[in-house]
Protein backbone atom coordinates (compact mmCIF):
# COMPACT_ATOMS: atom_id res chain seq x y z
CA MET A 1 -56.81 -28.57 38.84
CA VAL A 2 -59.40 -25.82 39.00
CA ASP A 3 -58.02 -23.82 35.93
CA GLU A 4 -58.39 -26.84 33.67
CA GLU A 5 -61.95 -27.64 34.81
CA ARG A 6 -62.90 -24.04 33.70
CA GLY A 7 -61.30 -24.17 30.52
CA SER A 8 -58.87 -21.24 31.07
CA PHE A 9 -55.22 -20.99 29.96
CA PRO A 10 -52.57 -22.68 32.07
CA ASP A 11 -50.25 -20.37 33.85
CA ASN A 12 -47.17 -22.25 33.74
CA GLY A 13 -44.72 -19.35 33.03
CA SER A 14 -44.84 -19.78 29.31
CA ASP A 15 -45.60 -17.51 26.53
CA GLU A 16 -48.59 -19.45 25.54
CA LEU A 17 -51.12 -16.89 26.56
CA ALA A 18 -49.34 -14.04 25.16
CA MET A 19 -48.95 -15.85 21.87
CA ALA A 20 -52.65 -16.45 21.80
CA LEU A 21 -53.68 -12.96 22.39
CA ALA A 22 -51.23 -11.76 19.91
CA THR A 23 -52.82 -13.61 17.09
CA MET A 24 -56.32 -12.01 18.03
CA LEU A 25 -57.85 -9.43 15.96
CA PRO A 26 -56.88 -5.71 16.76
CA GLU A 27 -59.37 -4.33 19.26
CA PRO A 28 -61.00 -1.92 16.87
CA VAL A 29 -61.85 -4.83 14.55
CA ILE A 30 -63.32 -6.84 17.35
CA GLU A 31 -65.29 -3.83 18.50
CA HIS A 32 -66.67 -3.23 14.89
CA ALA A 33 -67.58 -6.86 14.46
CA SER A 34 -69.31 -6.69 17.82
CA THR A 35 -71.37 -3.82 16.67
CA ILE A 36 -72.31 -5.58 13.46
CA CYS A 37 -73.46 -8.57 15.36
CA TYR A 38 -75.71 -6.57 17.55
CA ALA A 39 -77.12 -4.94 14.52
CA LEU A 40 -77.89 -8.26 13.05
CA SER A 41 -79.28 -9.56 16.32
CA ASN A 42 -82.68 -8.14 15.40
CA PRO A 43 -84.63 -10.01 12.72
CA ILE A 44 -86.33 -6.71 11.53
CA ARG A 45 -82.70 -5.08 10.89
CA MET A 46 -81.61 -8.39 9.23
CA LYS A 47 -84.40 -8.34 6.95
CA ILE A 48 -83.97 -4.66 6.22
CA LEU A 49 -80.41 -5.25 5.40
CA LEU A 50 -81.23 -8.40 3.11
CA LEU A 51 -83.78 -6.30 1.35
CA LEU A 52 -81.26 -3.49 0.73
CA ALA A 53 -78.61 -5.75 -0.56
CA SER A 54 -80.95 -6.53 -3.71
CA ARG A 55 -81.68 -2.86 -4.62
CA THR A 56 -82.10 0.77 -3.28
CA TYR A 57 -85.47 1.58 -1.49
CA CYS A 58 -87.11 4.73 -0.47
CA VAL A 59 -87.81 4.95 3.35
CA TYR A 60 -91.51 5.10 2.77
CA SER A 61 -91.41 1.75 0.88
CA ILE A 62 -89.40 0.09 3.66
CA LYS A 63 -91.96 1.61 6.27
CA ASP A 64 -94.91 0.07 4.25
CA LEU A 65 -93.21 -3.28 3.72
CA PHE A 66 -92.56 -3.74 7.34
CA ALA A 67 -95.68 -1.92 8.62
CA ILE A 68 -93.81 -0.24 11.48
CA SER A 69 -93.77 3.20 12.84
CA ASP A 70 -91.59 6.02 11.69
CA SER A 71 -89.74 6.15 15.00
CA ARG A 72 -89.16 2.31 15.08
CA LEU A 73 -87.93 2.32 11.44
CA SER A 74 -85.69 5.25 12.10
CA TYR A 75 -84.26 3.55 15.15
CA HIS A 76 -83.35 0.28 13.04
CA LEU A 77 -81.99 2.16 10.00
CA LYS A 78 -79.64 4.20 12.43
CA ILE A 79 -78.19 1.17 13.96
CA LEU A 80 -77.48 -0.37 10.47
CA ARG A 81 -76.16 3.06 9.40
CA ASP A 82 -73.96 3.48 12.29
CA CYS A 83 -71.94 0.17 11.80
CA GLY A 84 -71.72 0.70 7.99
CA LEU A 85 -74.09 -1.66 6.70
CA ILE A 86 -76.29 0.58 5.05
CA GLU A 87 -76.19 4.09 3.56
CA GLY A 88 -78.79 6.70 2.70
CA SER A 89 -78.93 9.46 0.25
CA ARG A 90 -81.65 12.27 0.14
CA ASP A 91 -83.79 12.58 -3.27
CA GLY A 92 -86.25 15.40 -2.36
CA LYS A 93 -88.41 14.37 0.55
CA CYS A 94 -87.20 10.63 0.24
CA ILE A 95 -84.20 9.24 1.80
CA ASN A 96 -83.13 6.28 -0.37
CA TYR A 97 -81.27 3.54 1.37
CA ALA A 98 -78.92 0.79 -0.03
CA ALA A 99 -76.44 -1.69 1.34
CA THR A 100 -72.82 -0.66 1.42
CA PRO A 101 -70.16 -2.97 0.18
CA LEU A 102 -69.70 -4.34 3.87
CA GLY A 103 -73.48 -4.59 3.94
CA GLU A 104 -73.44 -6.73 0.86
CA GLU A 105 -70.57 -8.93 2.04
CA VAL A 106 -72.42 -9.54 5.23
CA CYS A 107 -75.56 -10.59 3.37
CA ARG A 108 -73.48 -13.22 1.20
CA MET A 109 -72.20 -14.56 4.40
CA ILE A 110 -75.78 -14.66 5.96
CA GLY A 111 -76.90 -16.34 2.54
CA SER A 112 -74.18 -19.00 3.11
CA PHE A 113 -76.02 -20.32 6.23
CA ARG A 114 -78.63 -21.88 3.97
CA ARG A 115 -76.25 -24.71 3.36
């Protein structure tokens, strides 16, 4: 059968497919998880997140550590901020960044990959 070769669900009139879809995560959760996966798909962003999980850093320190341009760093920080992994707070001329509780949880998960 062609369907079985492709690995698709059998359409035998049962509710098997409907039950499988019903057990999936809600669409907004899947969308948010997808956004987080995209944010982590870049090694620089992953390194920034791991750095910020340990303590708060001023944007200037992050720039010096990664030796990247202001615009490139701004782009990476925006992606991490937009999906809720980091947050920034202004302190005079400096914006201090830190991992959010979600970002810290993701870092713990990444740390478990060592095993």
